[in-house]
Amino acid sequence: MAIDDFVFQKDIHYGKLLCDLEIGKLLDLLPLRKQKDVTRWIQNHPTYNQ
């Protein structure tokens, strides 16, 4: 899995993009940048919790 930052609106709204590189699929766009949000997403999706 790959995780990257992206911007909705410069200097105002940022988020995280989660992607499965093995199958080339976008998994989710998280509207927040905080580590706890990414951790919660991974915990709720055990397939990607490796």
N, C-alpha and C. Protein backbone atom coordinates (compact mmCIF):
# COMPACT_ATOMS: atom_id res chain seq x y z
N MET A 1 0.85 -1.17 0.00
CA MET A 1 0.00 0.00 0.00
C MET A 1 0.89 1.23 0.00
N ALA A 2 0.46 2.25 -0.72
CA ALA A 2 1.16 3.53 -0.75
C ALA A 2 0.24 4.60 -0.19
N ILE A 3 0.85 5.56 0.50
CA ILE A 3 0.11 6.67 1.08
C ILE A 3 0.79 7.95 0.64
N ASP A 4 0.00 8.93 0.19
CA ASP A 4 0.56 10.19 -0.25
C ASP A 4 -0.37 11.32 0.15
N ASP A 5 0.21 12.51 0.33
CA ASP A 5 -0.59 13.70 0.60
C ASP A 5 -1.08 14.29 -0.71
N PHE A 6 -2.22 14.94 -0.66
CA PHE A 6 -2.70 15.70 -1.80
C PHE A 6 -3.43 16.93 -1.28
N VAL A 7 -3.71 17.85 -2.16
CA VAL A 7 -4.34 19.10 -1.74
C VAL A 7 -5.69 19.27 -2.44
N PHE A 8 -6.72 19.58 -1.66
CA PHE A 8 -8.03 19.94 -2.21
C PHE A 8 -7.99 21.43 -2.61
N GLN A 9 -7.48 22.25 -1.69
CA GLN A 9 -7.37 23.69 -1.92
C GLN A 9 -6.08 24.16 -1.25
N LYS A 10 -5.16 24.71 -2.01
CA LYS A 10 -3.83 25.06 -1.51
C LYS A 10 -3.88 25.88 -0.23
N ASP A 11 -3.06 25.46 0.73
CA ASP A 11 -2.92 26.11 2.04
C ASP A 11 -4.18 26.06 2.90
N ILE A 12 -5.19 25.30 2.48
CA ILE A 12 -6.42 25.25 3.28
C ILE A 12 -6.83 23.81 3.59
N HIS A 13 -7.04 22.99 2.57
CA HIS A 13 -7.55 21.63 2.76
C HIS A 13 -6.62 20.60 2.13
N TYR A 14 -6.11 19.72 2.98
CA TYR A 14 -5.23 18.65 2.52
C TYR A 14 -5.84 17.31 2.89
N GLY A 15 -5.34 16.25 2.29
CA GLY A 15 -5.82 14.93 2.61
C GLY A 15 -4.78 13.88 2.32
N LYS A 16 -5.18 12.62 2.46
CA LYS A 16 -4.30 11.47 2.19
C LYS A 16 -4.95 10.61 1.12
N LEU A 17 -4.12 10.12 0.24
CA LEU A 17 -4.53 9.19 -0.79
C LEU A 17 -3.94 7.84 -0.43
N LEU A 18 -4.76 6.80 -0.41
CA LEU A 18 -4.29 5.44 -0.12
C LEU A 18 -4.49 4.59 -1.37
N CYS A 19 -3.44 3.90 -1.79
CA CYS A 19 -3.46 3.17 -3.04
C CYS A 19 -2.82 1.79 -2.87
N ASP A 20 -3.40 0.78 -3.51
CA ASP A 20 -2.82 -0.55 -3.55
C ASP A 20 -1.96 -0.63 -4.81
N LEU A 21 -0.66 -0.64 -4.64
CA LEU A 21 0.25 -0.62 -5.79
C LEU A 21 0.29 -1.96 -6.53
N GLU A 22 -0.01 -3.04 -5.84
CA GLU A 22 0.05 -4.35 -6.49
C GLU A 22 -1.02 -4.50 -7.57
N ILE A 23 -2.21 -3.97 -7.32
CA ILE A 23 -3.29 -4.09 -8.29
C ILE A 23 -3.59 -2.76 -8.98
N GLY A 24 -2.88 -1.69 -8.60
CA GLY A 24 -3.08 -0.39 -9.23
C GLY A 24 -4.44 0.20 -8.96
N LYS A 25 -4.89 0.11 -7.72
CA LYS A 25 -6.25 0.57 -7.38
C LYS A 25 -6.21 1.62 -6.27
N LEU A 26 -6.96 2.69 -6.48
CA LEU A 26 -7.16 3.67 -5.44
C LEU A 26 -8.05 3.06 -4.37
N LEU A 27 -7.61 3.09 -3.12
CA LEU A 27 -8.38 2.50 -2.03
C LEU A 27 -9.29 3.52 -1.36
N ASP A 28 -8.76 4.71 -1.12
CA ASP A 28 -9.56 5.71 -0.41
C ASP A 28 -8.88 7.06 -0.48
N LEU A 29 -9.67 8.11 -0.31
CA LEU A 29 -9.18 9.48 -0.14
C LEU A 29 -9.65 9.92 1.24
N LEU A 30 -8.69 10.18 2.12
CA LEU A 30 -9.03 10.62 3.46
C LEU A 30 -8.99 12.15 3.49
N PRO A 31 -10.03 12.78 4.00
CA PRO A 31 -10.09 14.24 3.98
C PRO A 31 -9.19 14.92 5.02
N LEU A 32 -8.47 14.14 5.81
CA LEU A 32 -7.61 14.71 6.84
C LEU A 32 -6.20 14.16 6.68
N ARG A 33 -5.23 14.85 7.25
CA ARG A 33 -3.82 14.44 7.11
C ARG A 33 -3.26 13.79 8.36
N LYS A 34 -4.02 13.70 9.40
CA LYS A 34 -3.49 13.24 10.68
C LYS A 34 -3.19 11.74 10.67
N GLN A 35 -2.10 11.39 11.38
CA GLN A 35 -1.67 10.00 11.47
C GLN A 35 -2.77 9.12 12.06
N LYS A 36 -3.50 9.63 13.05
CA LYS A 36 -4.54 8.82 13.69
C LYS A 36 -5.63 8.42 12.70
N ASP A 37 -5.91 9.25 11.70
CA ASP A 37 -6.92 8.91 10.70
C ASP A 37 -6.45 7.78 9.80
N VAL A 38 -5.18 7.82 9.43
CA VAL A 38 -4.60 6.74 8.61
C VAL A 38 -4.56 5.44 9.42
N THR A 39 -4.14 5.54 10.68
CA THR A 39 -4.09 4.36 11.55
C THR A 39 -5.47 3.75 11.71
N ARG A 40 -6.48 4.57 11.92
CA ARG A 40 -7.85 4.08 12.07
C ARG A 40 -8.31 3.38 10.79
N TRP A 41 -7.99 3.95 9.63
CA TRP A 41 -8.39 3.34 8.36
C TRP A 41 -7.75 1.96 8.22
N ILE A 42 -6.46 1.87 8.51
CA ILE A 42 -5.75 0.59 8.38
C ILE A 42 -6.33 -0.43 9.35
N GLN A 43 -6.65 -0.04 10.57
CA GLN A 43 -7.24 -0.95 11.54
C GLN A 43 -8.61 -1.45 11.09
N ASN A 44 -9.36 -0.61 10.38
CA ASN A 44 -10.69 -0.99 9.91
C ASN A 44 -10.67 -1.78 8.60
N HIS A 45 -9.49 -1.94 8.00
CA HIS A 45 -9.34 -2.69 6.76
C HIS A 45 -8.21 -3.71 6.94
N PRO A 46 -8.49 -4.81 7.63
CA PRO A 46 -7.44 -5.78 7.98
C PRO A 46 -6.72 -6.39 6.76
N THR A 47 -7.33 -6.38 5.61
CA THR A 47 -6.67 -6.90 4.41
C THR A 47 -5.38 -6.14 4.12
N TYR A 48 -5.37 -4.86 4.46
CA TYR A 48 -4.20 -4.02 4.18
C TYR A 48 -3.35 -3.80 5.42
N ASN A 49 -3.67 -4.46 6.50
CA ASN A 49 -2.94 -4.32 7.77
C ASN A 49 -1.86 -5.38 7.85
N GLN A 50 -0.83 -5.24 7.03
CA GLN A 50 0.25 -6.23 6.98
C GLN A 50 1.57 -5.58 7.22
